[in-house]
N, C-alpha and C. Protein backbone atom coordinates (compact mmCIF):
# COMPACT_ATOMS: atom_id res chain seq x y z
N MET A 1 52.63 30.36 39.28
CA MET A 1 51.26 30.80 39.23
C MET A 1 50.88 31.27 37.82
N LYS A 2 51.80 31.99 37.16
CA LYS A 2 51.54 32.45 35.80
C LYS A 2 51.33 31.27 34.86
N ARG A 3 52.13 30.20 35.07
CA ARG A 3 52.03 29.02 34.22
C ARG A 3 50.66 28.37 34.41
N VAL A 4 50.17 28.27 35.64
CA VAL A 4 48.86 27.68 35.92
C VAL A 4 47.77 28.51 35.26
N LEU A 5 47.86 29.83 35.40
CA LEU A 5 46.87 30.71 34.77
C LEU A 5 46.89 30.57 33.25
N ALA A 6 48.07 30.45 32.67
CA ALA A 6 48.19 30.29 31.22
C ALA A 6 47.54 28.98 30.77
N VAL A 7 47.77 27.90 31.53
CA VAL A 7 47.17 26.60 31.20
C VAL A 7 45.65 26.68 31.32
N LEU A 8 45.16 27.29 32.39
CA LEU A 8 43.71 27.42 32.57
C LEU A 8 43.09 28.26 31.45
N LEU A 9 43.75 29.34 31.08
CA LEU A 9 43.25 30.17 29.99
C LEU A 9 43.22 29.40 28.67
N ALA A 10 44.25 28.62 28.41
CA ALA A 10 44.30 27.80 27.19
C ALA A 10 43.17 26.78 27.19
N CYS A 11 42.94 26.12 28.33
CA CYS A 11 41.86 25.13 28.43
C CYS A 11 40.50 25.78 28.20
N PHE A 12 40.29 26.95 28.80
CA PHE A 12 39.03 27.67 28.64
C PHE A 12 38.81 28.04 27.18
N THR A 13 39.86 28.51 26.53
CA THR A 13 39.77 28.89 25.11
C THR A 13 39.40 27.70 24.24
N ILE A 14 40.05 26.57 24.47
CA ILE A 14 39.75 25.36 23.70
C ILE A 14 38.32 24.92 23.92
N MET A 15 37.88 24.92 25.20
CA MET A 15 36.50 24.52 25.51
C MET A 15 35.51 25.46 24.86
N SER A 16 35.79 26.75 24.85
CA SER A 16 34.88 27.72 24.23
C SER A 16 34.76 27.48 22.74
N CYS A 17 35.88 27.18 22.09
CA CYS A 17 35.85 26.89 20.65
C CYS A 17 35.06 25.64 20.36
N ASN A 18 35.20 24.62 21.17
CA ASN A 18 34.50 23.36 20.95
C ASN A 18 33.00 23.49 21.16
N ASN A 19 32.56 24.48 21.95
CA ASN A 19 31.14 24.66 22.21
C ASN A 19 30.46 25.56 21.19
N GLN A 20 31.19 26.15 20.28
CA GLN A 20 30.58 27.01 19.29
C GLN A 20 29.75 26.17 18.32
N LYS A 21 28.56 26.69 18.01
CA LYS A 21 27.68 25.99 17.08
C LYS A 21 28.17 26.21 15.66
N GLN A 22 28.03 25.18 14.86
CA GLN A 22 28.34 25.32 13.44
C GLN A 22 27.10 25.88 12.76
N VAL A 23 27.25 26.89 11.99
CA VAL A 23 26.11 27.47 11.28
C VAL A 23 26.45 27.59 9.81
N PRO A 24 25.44 27.53 8.96
CA PRO A 24 25.71 27.67 7.54
C PRO A 24 26.28 29.05 7.22
N VAL A 25 26.96 29.10 6.11
CA VAL A 25 27.44 30.37 5.61
C VAL A 25 26.25 31.05 4.95
N ALA A 26 25.76 32.11 5.54
CA ALA A 26 24.65 32.86 4.97
C ALA A 26 25.01 34.33 5.02
N ALA A 27 25.04 34.96 3.87
CA ALA A 27 25.46 36.35 3.79
C ALA A 27 24.58 37.25 4.65
N ASP A 28 23.28 36.93 4.72
CA ASP A 28 22.38 37.79 5.47
C ASP A 28 22.19 37.35 6.93
N GLY A 29 22.85 36.27 7.34
CA GLY A 29 22.76 35.82 8.73
C GLY A 29 21.36 35.38 9.13
N SER A 30 20.56 34.94 8.16
CA SER A 30 19.16 34.64 8.43
C SER A 30 18.89 33.26 9.02
N TRP A 31 19.85 32.38 9.01
CA TRP A 31 19.65 31.03 9.57
C TRP A 31 19.85 31.05 11.08
N ARG A 32 19.02 30.28 11.79
CA ARG A 32 19.26 30.04 13.21
C ARG A 32 19.11 28.55 13.47
N GLU A 33 19.98 28.01 14.31
CA GLU A 33 19.94 26.58 14.59
C GLU A 33 18.84 26.27 15.60
N ILE A 34 18.10 25.18 15.33
CA ILE A 34 17.06 24.72 16.24
C ILE A 34 17.27 23.24 16.49
N THR A 35 16.57 22.69 17.46
CA THR A 35 16.62 21.26 17.76
C THR A 35 15.54 20.56 16.95
N PRO A 36 15.64 19.24 16.80
CA PRO A 36 14.57 18.51 16.10
C PRO A 36 13.20 18.72 16.74
N GLU A 37 13.17 18.87 18.06
CA GLU A 37 11.91 19.06 18.77
C GLU A 37 11.27 20.41 18.46
N GLU A 38 12.06 21.35 17.97
CA GLU A 38 11.56 22.69 17.67
C GLU A 38 11.03 22.85 16.25
N VAL A 39 11.15 21.83 15.43
CA VAL A 39 10.65 21.92 14.05
C VAL A 39 9.12 22.05 14.12
N SER A 40 8.60 23.14 13.58
CA SER A 40 7.17 23.39 13.69
C SER A 40 6.37 22.84 12.51
N LEU A 41 7.05 22.51 11.41
CA LEU A 41 6.35 21.98 10.25
C LEU A 41 5.87 20.55 10.51
N ASN A 42 4.68 20.23 10.04
CA ASN A 42 4.17 18.87 10.15
C ASN A 42 4.99 17.98 9.22
N PRO A 43 5.64 16.92 9.76
CA PRO A 43 6.53 16.12 8.91
C PRO A 43 5.82 15.41 7.76
N VAL A 44 4.56 15.01 7.94
CA VAL A 44 3.84 14.34 6.86
C VAL A 44 3.51 15.33 5.75
N LYS A 45 3.03 16.51 6.12
CA LYS A 45 2.73 17.54 5.13
C LYS A 45 4.02 18.01 4.45
N MET A 46 5.08 18.16 5.25
CA MET A 46 6.35 18.64 4.73
C MET A 46 6.85 17.74 3.60
N VAL A 47 6.70 16.44 3.73
CA VAL A 47 7.19 15.50 2.72
C VAL A 47 6.14 15.25 1.64
N GLY A 48 4.94 14.94 2.06
CA GLY A 48 3.92 14.52 1.11
C GLY A 48 3.33 15.63 0.27
N ASP A 49 3.10 16.81 0.88
CA ASP A 49 2.45 17.90 0.16
C ASP A 49 3.42 18.96 -0.34
N ASP A 50 4.36 19.35 0.52
CA ASP A 50 5.25 20.47 0.19
C ASP A 50 6.42 20.04 -0.68
N TRP A 51 6.86 18.80 -0.55
CA TRP A 51 8.06 18.28 -1.19
C TRP A 51 9.29 18.86 -0.51
N LEU A 52 10.39 18.21 -0.73
CA LEU A 52 11.67 18.62 -0.17
C LEU A 52 12.75 18.43 -1.23
N GLU A 53 13.90 19.00 -0.96
CA GLU A 53 15.07 18.77 -1.81
C GLU A 53 16.09 17.97 -1.03
N LEU A 54 16.59 16.92 -1.64
CA LEU A 54 17.68 16.12 -1.10
C LEU A 54 18.94 16.50 -1.86
N SER A 55 20.00 16.81 -1.13
CA SER A 55 21.28 17.19 -1.76
C SER A 55 22.41 16.38 -1.15
N ALA A 56 23.38 16.08 -1.98
CA ALA A 56 24.60 15.41 -1.51
C ALA A 56 25.76 15.90 -2.36
N GLY A 57 26.92 15.98 -1.74
CA GLY A 57 28.11 16.42 -2.45
C GLY A 57 28.74 17.62 -1.77
N LYS A 58 29.74 18.14 -2.42
CA LYS A 58 30.49 19.28 -1.90
C LYS A 58 30.55 20.37 -2.98
N GLU A 59 31.12 21.49 -2.63
CA GLU A 59 31.21 22.59 -3.58
C GLU A 59 31.91 22.13 -4.86
N GLY A 60 31.27 22.39 -6.00
CA GLY A 60 31.82 22.00 -7.28
C GLY A 60 31.47 20.59 -7.71
N ASP A 61 30.86 19.80 -6.83
CA ASP A 61 30.52 18.41 -7.16
C ASP A 61 29.33 17.98 -6.30
N LEU A 62 28.14 18.48 -6.66
CA LEU A 62 26.95 18.16 -5.88
C LEU A 62 25.77 17.94 -6.81
N ASN A 63 24.75 17.31 -6.28
CA ASN A 63 23.50 17.17 -7.02
C ASN A 63 22.36 17.22 -6.03
N LEU A 64 21.20 17.57 -6.54
CA LEU A 64 20.00 17.64 -5.72
C LEU A 64 18.82 17.10 -6.49
N MET A 65 17.82 16.63 -5.75
CA MET A 65 16.61 16.12 -6.36
C MET A 65 15.42 16.40 -5.45
N THR A 66 14.27 16.55 -6.06
CA THR A 66 13.03 16.71 -5.31
C THR A 66 12.63 15.35 -4.76
N ILE A 67 12.22 15.32 -3.49
CA ILE A 67 11.77 14.05 -2.90
C ILE A 67 10.36 14.21 -2.34
N GLY A 68 9.60 13.16 -2.45
CA GLY A 68 8.25 13.10 -1.90
C GLY A 68 8.12 11.97 -0.91
N TRP A 69 9.24 11.31 -0.62
CA TRP A 69 9.28 10.25 0.39
C TRP A 69 10.33 10.65 1.42
N GLY A 70 10.03 10.45 2.68
CA GLY A 70 10.99 10.74 3.73
C GLY A 70 10.41 10.42 5.09
N THR A 71 11.27 10.21 6.04
CA THR A 71 10.84 9.87 7.40
C THR A 71 11.67 10.66 8.39
N PHE A 72 10.99 11.33 9.31
CA PHE A 72 11.63 12.17 10.32
C PHE A 72 11.29 11.54 11.67
N GLY A 73 12.30 11.11 12.44
CA GLY A 73 11.99 10.46 13.70
C GLY A 73 13.22 10.18 14.54
N VAL A 74 13.12 9.08 15.30
CA VAL A 74 14.17 8.68 16.23
C VAL A 74 14.49 7.21 15.99
N LEU A 75 15.78 6.89 15.93
CA LEU A 75 16.24 5.51 15.78
C LEU A 75 17.55 5.37 16.54
N TRP A 76 17.68 4.31 17.30
CA TRP A 76 18.89 4.07 18.09
C TRP A 76 19.21 5.27 18.99
N ASN A 77 18.14 5.86 19.54
CA ASN A 77 18.26 7.02 20.43
C ASN A 77 18.90 8.24 19.77
N LYS A 78 18.78 8.33 18.45
CA LYS A 78 19.31 9.48 17.72
C LYS A 78 18.18 10.08 16.87
N PRO A 79 18.16 11.41 16.74
CA PRO A 79 17.21 11.98 15.78
C PRO A 79 17.69 11.64 14.37
N VAL A 80 16.78 11.18 13.53
CA VAL A 80 17.17 10.75 12.19
C VAL A 80 16.23 11.30 11.13
N TYR A 81 16.77 11.38 9.92
CA TYR A 81 15.96 11.63 8.74
C TYR A 81 16.31 10.51 7.77
N ILE A 82 15.28 9.87 7.23
CA ILE A 82 15.48 8.74 6.32
C ILE A 82 14.99 9.14 4.93
N VAL A 83 15.84 8.93 3.94
CA VAL A 83 15.47 9.23 2.56
C VAL A 83 15.58 7.96 1.72
N TYR A 84 14.90 7.98 0.58
CA TYR A 84 14.83 6.82 -0.29
C TYR A 84 15.18 7.28 -1.70
N VAL A 85 16.19 6.66 -2.29
CA VAL A 85 16.67 7.11 -3.60
C VAL A 85 16.77 5.91 -4.54
N SER A 86 16.23 6.07 -5.73
CA SER A 86 16.35 5.03 -6.75
C SER A 86 17.75 5.06 -7.35
N PRO A 87 18.35 3.90 -7.58
CA PRO A 87 19.65 3.87 -8.26
C PRO A 87 19.61 4.47 -9.67
N ALA A 88 18.42 4.67 -10.21
CA ALA A 88 18.29 5.29 -11.53
C ALA A 88 18.53 6.80 -11.46
N ARG A 89 18.44 7.38 -10.29
CA ARG A 89 18.61 8.82 -10.14
C ARG A 89 20.09 9.18 -10.04
N TYR A 90 20.45 10.30 -10.65
CA TYR A 90 21.84 10.77 -10.61
C TYR A 90 22.28 11.05 -9.18
N THR A 91 21.39 11.50 -8.33
CA THR A 91 21.71 11.79 -6.93
C THR A 91 22.18 10.54 -6.20
N TYR A 92 21.75 9.37 -6.65
CA TYR A 92 22.18 8.11 -6.02
C TYR A 92 23.70 8.01 -5.95
N GLU A 93 24.38 8.38 -7.03
CA GLU A 93 25.86 8.32 -7.06
C GLU A 93 26.45 9.21 -5.96
N PHE A 94 25.85 10.38 -5.75
CA PHE A 94 26.34 11.32 -4.74
C PHE A 94 26.05 10.79 -3.33
N MET A 95 24.89 10.16 -3.17
CA MET A 95 24.56 9.58 -1.86
C MET A 95 25.52 8.45 -1.52
N GLU A 96 25.93 7.69 -2.51
CA GLU A 96 26.83 6.56 -2.28
C GLU A 96 28.24 7.00 -1.90
N ARG A 97 28.70 8.09 -2.49
CA ARG A 97 30.10 8.45 -2.26
C ARG A 97 30.33 9.56 -1.25
N ASN A 98 29.26 10.06 -0.64
CA ASN A 98 29.40 11.12 0.35
C ASN A 98 28.91 10.65 1.72
N GLU A 99 29.54 11.16 2.76
CA GLU A 99 29.20 10.77 4.13
C GLU A 99 27.96 11.51 4.64
N TYR A 100 27.68 12.67 4.05
CA TYR A 100 26.60 13.52 4.53
C TYR A 100 25.57 13.77 3.44
N PHE A 101 24.36 14.17 3.88
CA PHE A 101 23.36 14.67 2.95
C PHE A 101 22.54 15.73 3.66
N THR A 102 21.86 16.56 2.88
CA THR A 102 20.98 17.57 3.45
C THR A 102 19.60 17.43 2.85
N VAL A 103 18.62 17.81 3.64
CA VAL A 103 17.23 17.86 3.21
C VAL A 103 16.76 19.28 3.47
N THR A 104 16.22 19.94 2.44
CA THR A 104 15.78 21.32 2.61
C THR A 104 14.31 21.46 2.22
N HIS A 105 13.64 22.31 2.97
CA HIS A 105 12.22 22.63 2.73
C HIS A 105 12.14 24.06 2.23
N PHE A 106 11.22 24.31 1.32
CA PHE A 106 11.08 25.63 0.71
C PHE A 106 9.67 26.17 0.94
N PRO A 107 9.53 27.49 0.92
CA PRO A 107 8.19 28.08 1.01
C PRO A 107 7.32 27.63 -0.17
N GLU A 108 6.02 27.72 0.02
CA GLU A 108 5.07 27.26 -1.00
C GLU A 108 5.29 27.93 -2.36
N ALA A 109 5.72 29.16 -2.35
CA ALA A 109 5.94 29.90 -3.60
C ALA A 109 7.02 29.25 -4.47
N MET A 110 7.79 28.33 -3.90
CA MET A 110 8.88 27.68 -4.64
C MET A 110 8.45 26.38 -5.32
N GLN A 111 7.19 26.01 -5.24
CA GLN A 111 6.72 24.73 -5.79
C GLN A 111 7.09 24.54 -7.26
N GLU A 112 6.98 25.59 -8.06
CA GLU A 112 7.29 25.47 -9.48
C GLU A 112 8.76 25.09 -9.68
N LYS A 113 9.64 25.71 -8.90
CA LYS A 113 11.06 25.39 -9.01
C LYS A 113 11.33 23.96 -8.56
N LEU A 114 10.62 23.51 -7.51
CA LEU A 114 10.81 22.14 -7.06
C LEU A 114 10.34 21.16 -8.12
N GLY A 115 9.28 21.50 -8.81
CA GLY A 115 8.82 20.67 -9.92
C GLY A 115 9.86 20.58 -11.02
N TYR A 116 10.50 21.69 -11.32
CA TYR A 116 11.58 21.70 -12.31
C TYR A 116 12.71 20.78 -11.87
N LEU A 117 13.12 20.90 -10.60
CA LEU A 117 14.24 20.10 -10.10
C LEU A 117 13.92 18.61 -10.15
N GLY A 118 12.64 18.26 -10.04
CA GLY A 118 12.24 16.86 -10.11
C GLY A 118 12.06 16.35 -11.52
N SER A 119 12.13 17.25 -12.52
CA SER A 119 11.87 16.83 -13.89
C SER A 119 13.10 16.80 -14.78
N VAL A 120 14.24 17.32 -14.30
CA VAL A 120 15.47 17.30 -15.09
C VAL A 120 16.56 16.56 -14.32
N SER A 121 17.58 16.12 -15.02
CA SER A 121 18.68 15.39 -14.39
C SER A 121 19.93 16.25 -14.32
N GLY A 122 20.61 16.13 -13.20
CA GLY A 122 21.90 16.81 -13.04
C GLY A 122 22.96 16.26 -13.98
N ARG A 123 22.70 15.11 -14.60
CA ARG A 123 23.62 14.58 -15.60
C ARG A 123 23.67 15.48 -16.83
N ASP A 124 22.52 16.15 -17.08
CA ASP A 124 22.35 16.90 -18.31
C ASP A 124 22.53 18.40 -18.16
N GLU A 125 22.34 18.92 -16.96
CA GLU A 125 22.42 20.37 -16.78
C GLU A 125 22.69 20.72 -15.33
N ASP A 126 23.04 21.98 -15.11
CA ASP A 126 23.26 22.52 -13.77
C ASP A 126 21.88 22.86 -13.19
N LYS A 127 21.37 21.97 -12.35
CA LYS A 127 20.01 22.14 -11.83
C LYS A 127 19.90 23.33 -10.89
N VAL A 128 20.95 23.60 -10.14
CA VAL A 128 20.92 24.74 -9.22
C VAL A 128 20.72 26.03 -10.01
N ALA A 129 21.52 26.21 -11.05
CA ALA A 129 21.40 27.41 -11.89
C ALA A 129 20.07 27.43 -12.62
N GLY A 130 19.65 26.28 -13.13
CA GLY A 130 18.40 26.20 -13.88
C GLY A 130 17.18 26.56 -13.05
N ALA A 131 17.22 26.24 -11.76
CA ALA A 131 16.10 26.56 -10.87
C ALA A 131 16.25 27.95 -10.26
N GLY A 132 17.39 28.60 -10.50
CA GLY A 132 17.61 29.93 -9.94
C GLY A 132 17.84 29.90 -8.44
N LEU A 133 18.44 28.82 -7.94
CA LEU A 133 18.71 28.71 -6.50
C LEU A 133 20.10 29.24 -6.18
N THR A 134 20.27 29.64 -4.94
CA THR A 134 21.55 30.12 -4.45
C THR A 134 22.08 29.10 -3.45
N VAL A 135 23.14 28.40 -3.81
CA VAL A 135 23.68 27.38 -2.92
C VAL A 135 24.57 28.03 -1.86
N GLU A 136 24.42 27.55 -0.62
CA GLU A 136 25.27 27.93 0.49
C GLU A 136 25.84 26.65 1.06
N PHE A 137 26.87 26.75 1.86
CA PHE A 137 27.49 25.55 2.41
C PHE A 137 27.61 25.66 3.93
N THR A 138 27.33 24.55 4.60
CA THR A 138 27.45 24.50 6.05
C THR A 138 28.93 24.46 6.42
N GLU A 139 29.22 24.51 7.70
CA GLU A 139 30.60 24.40 8.18
C GLU A 139 31.21 23.05 7.79
N LEU A 140 30.38 22.03 7.62
CA LEU A 140 30.87 20.71 7.18
C LEU A 140 30.99 20.63 5.67
N GLY A 141 30.63 21.70 4.97
CA GLY A 141 30.78 21.74 3.52
C GLY A 141 29.61 21.17 2.75
N ASN A 142 28.45 21.02 3.39
CA ASN A 142 27.30 20.43 2.73
C ASN A 142 26.35 21.50 2.20
N PRO A 143 25.72 21.23 1.04
CA PRO A 143 24.90 22.25 0.39
C PRO A 143 23.52 22.43 1.02
N ILE A 144 23.14 23.70 1.20
CA ILE A 144 21.77 24.09 1.50
C ILE A 144 21.48 25.29 0.59
N TYR A 145 20.28 25.83 0.64
CA TYR A 145 19.89 26.85 -0.33
C TYR A 145 19.31 28.08 0.35
N ALA A 146 19.74 29.25 -0.10
CA ALA A 146 19.32 30.51 0.51
C ALA A 146 17.81 30.69 0.44
N GLU A 147 17.16 30.11 -0.57
CA GLU A 147 15.72 30.27 -0.75
C GLU A 147 14.91 29.35 0.17
N ALA A 148 15.56 28.40 0.81
CA ALA A 148 14.87 27.45 1.69
C ALA A 148 14.48 28.12 3.01
N ASP A 149 13.53 27.50 3.72
CA ASP A 149 13.18 28.01 5.04
C ASP A 149 13.52 27.02 6.15
N LEU A 150 13.99 25.82 5.77
CA LEU A 150 14.42 24.81 6.75
C LEU A 150 15.50 23.96 6.09
N ALA A 151 16.55 23.67 6.83
CA ALA A 151 17.64 22.84 6.30
C ALA A 151 18.04 21.83 7.37
N ILE A 152 18.09 20.56 6.98
CA ILE A 152 18.44 19.47 7.89
C ILE A 152 19.72 18.84 7.38
N GLU A 153 20.76 18.80 8.21
CA GLU A 153 22.06 18.24 7.82
C GLU A 153 22.25 16.91 8.52
N CYS A 154 22.52 15.86 7.75
CA CYS A 154 22.60 14.50 8.28
C CYS A 154 23.91 13.82 7.91
N ARG A 155 24.31 12.90 8.77
CA ARG A 155 25.44 12.01 8.50
C ARG A 155 24.87 10.61 8.31
N LYS A 156 25.22 9.97 7.20
CA LYS A 156 24.72 8.62 6.94
C LYS A 156 25.20 7.67 8.04
N ILE A 157 24.26 6.91 8.62
CA ILE A 157 24.65 5.92 9.61
C ILE A 157 24.24 4.51 9.19
N TYR A 158 23.43 4.40 8.13
CA TYR A 158 23.03 3.08 7.65
C TYR A 158 22.41 3.25 6.27
N SER A 159 22.65 2.30 5.39
CA SER A 159 21.98 2.31 4.09
C SER A 159 21.81 0.89 3.60
N VAL A 160 20.72 0.66 2.90
CA VAL A 160 20.41 -0.67 2.40
C VAL A 160 19.35 -0.56 1.31
N PRO A 161 19.42 -1.40 0.27
CA PRO A 161 18.33 -1.41 -0.71
C PRO A 161 17.14 -2.19 -0.15
N PHE A 162 15.95 -1.82 -0.59
CA PHE A 162 14.78 -2.62 -0.22
C PHE A 162 14.95 -4.03 -0.78
N ASP A 163 14.52 -5.00 -0.04
CA ASP A 163 14.56 -6.40 -0.49
C ASP A 163 13.25 -6.69 -1.22
N PRO A 164 13.30 -6.93 -2.54
CA PRO A 164 12.07 -7.17 -3.30
C PRO A 164 11.23 -8.32 -2.74
N ALA A 165 11.89 -9.33 -2.21
CA ALA A 165 11.16 -10.49 -1.67
C ALA A 165 10.31 -10.12 -0.45
N LEU A 166 10.67 -9.04 0.22
CA LEU A 166 9.94 -8.63 1.42
C LEU A 166 8.90 -7.55 1.15
N LEU A 167 8.88 -7.03 -0.08
CA LEU A 167 7.91 -5.99 -0.41
C LEU A 167 6.53 -6.60 -0.63
N PRO A 168 5.48 -5.89 -0.23
CA PRO A 168 4.13 -6.35 -0.56
C PRO A 168 3.95 -6.38 -2.08
N GLU A 169 3.06 -7.23 -2.54
CA GLU A 169 2.84 -7.39 -3.98
C GLU A 169 2.50 -6.06 -4.65
N GLU A 170 1.72 -5.23 -3.97
CA GLU A 170 1.34 -3.94 -4.55
C GLU A 170 2.57 -3.08 -4.85
N GLN A 171 3.56 -3.10 -3.96
CA GLN A 171 4.77 -2.31 -4.19
C GLN A 171 5.65 -2.93 -5.27
N ARG A 172 5.71 -4.26 -5.33
CA ARG A 172 6.46 -4.91 -6.41
C ARG A 172 5.84 -4.55 -7.76
N ASP A 173 4.50 -4.54 -7.82
CA ASP A 173 3.80 -4.16 -9.05
C ASP A 173 4.07 -2.70 -9.40
N TRP A 174 4.15 -1.85 -8.37
CA TRP A 174 4.43 -0.42 -8.59
C TRP A 174 5.77 -0.26 -9.30
N TYR A 175 6.81 -0.95 -8.81
CA TYR A 175 8.13 -0.88 -9.45
C TYR A 175 8.09 -1.47 -10.86
N ALA A 176 7.44 -2.61 -11.01
CA ALA A 176 7.39 -3.28 -12.31
C ALA A 176 6.68 -2.41 -13.36
N SER A 177 5.57 -1.77 -12.96
CA SER A 177 4.80 -0.96 -13.90
C SER A 177 5.57 0.27 -14.37
N ARG A 178 6.52 0.71 -13.57
CA ARG A 178 7.30 1.90 -13.91
C ARG A 178 8.68 1.55 -14.47
N GLY A 179 9.04 0.28 -14.43
CA GLY A 179 10.35 -0.14 -14.91
C GLY A 179 11.49 0.44 -14.08
N LEU A 180 11.24 0.66 -12.80
CA LEU A 180 12.25 1.29 -11.93
C LEU A 180 12.99 0.25 -11.09
N PRO A 181 14.27 0.50 -10.83
CA PRO A 181 14.96 -0.34 -9.85
C PRO A 181 14.45 -0.02 -8.44
N ILE A 182 14.58 -0.98 -7.56
CA ILE A 182 14.13 -0.83 -6.18
C ILE A 182 14.90 0.29 -5.48
N HIS A 183 14.21 1.08 -4.67
CA HIS A 183 14.84 2.19 -3.96
C HIS A 183 15.85 1.72 -2.91
N HIS A 184 16.77 2.59 -2.62
CA HIS A 184 17.79 2.40 -1.59
C HIS A 184 17.41 3.31 -0.42
N MET A 185 17.47 2.80 0.79
CA MET A 185 17.13 3.58 1.98
C MET A 185 18.41 4.08 2.64
N TYR A 186 18.44 5.37 2.98
CA TYR A 186 19.58 5.97 3.68
C TYR A 186 19.07 6.57 4.98
N ILE A 187 19.62 6.09 6.09
CA ILE A 187 19.28 6.64 7.40
C ILE A 187 20.37 7.62 7.78
N GLY A 188 19.97 8.85 8.05
CA GLY A 188 20.93 9.88 8.42
C GLY A 188 20.69 10.38 9.83
N GLU A 189 21.74 10.38 10.64
CA GLU A 189 21.65 11.00 11.96
C GLU A 189 21.60 12.51 11.76
N ILE A 190 20.61 13.16 12.33
CA ILE A 190 20.49 14.61 12.20
C ILE A 190 21.56 15.27 13.06
N LEU A 191 22.44 16.01 12.41
CA LEU A 191 23.49 16.73 13.11
C LEU A 191 23.09 18.16 13.41
N HIS A 192 22.42 18.80 12.45
CA HIS A 192 22.02 20.20 12.60
C HIS A 192 20.71 20.42 11.87
N ILE A 193 19.90 21.31 12.42
CA ILE A 193 18.71 21.81 11.72
C ILE A 193 18.73 23.33 11.85
N TRP A 194 18.53 23.99 10.71
CA TRP A 194 18.46 25.44 10.70
C TRP A 194 17.15 25.86 10.10
N GLU A 195 16.61 26.98 10.59
CA GLU A 195 15.40 27.54 10.00
C GLU A 195 15.58 29.04 9.84
N LYS A 196 14.73 29.59 9.00
CA LYS A 196 14.70 31.05 8.81
C LYS A 196 13.44 31.60 9.44
C-alpha cells in the first residue's frame, strides 16, 4: 500500500510540475499570462501606429528592431504572429539561427526610444543599452523588456522569402526605389503572451 501511495504521489507531483505556467523573469512580478483572445490592443493600431519590437536570440547574443509590419491571427488551427524582416537588417541573422522570437509592445511614452531602435544597427552598438531598456528573459530564454506592456513569445513554424515574381508591380517598385532586398516572412506559433 505504501508503494502504491508513493507512486501516486510521484505521479501527482510530476503532473503538477508539467501544468505550471512558464512566466518571464520579472523582478517586480508585474507580468501575467493571458490568452491570445484576451489581448485588448487593436492589432492594426498596435502594429501600424504604435510600432513593436521584434527580438531574437539569447542572453549575451540577441538583437532587436522596431517593426511596423506584422500579422496577428490564426493559421493551421494555431494562434500565430507573422513578422517580416529584410535580409539587410542585422536582426535577420538572429531570426535565421534561432528557433524562437518575441514581439513586444510598449506604452506610447516609449515612441522616442522605439524610433531610436529603428534608426541604429545592432552591428554597430548595444541597442538595448542605447535605448535604456531593461532586458528580461522568459523561461525559454527569450528576450522581452521590463518597459513593455505586452510580450508575445513565438516558435518559428514556417519561413519563406517573398517571391518577387508574385508581388504586385507597386510593391516591386517599392523595393527597387529603396534598393532593398525582398523581405522574408516568419510565421511564429504563439506560445505565450504576457501583459502588465
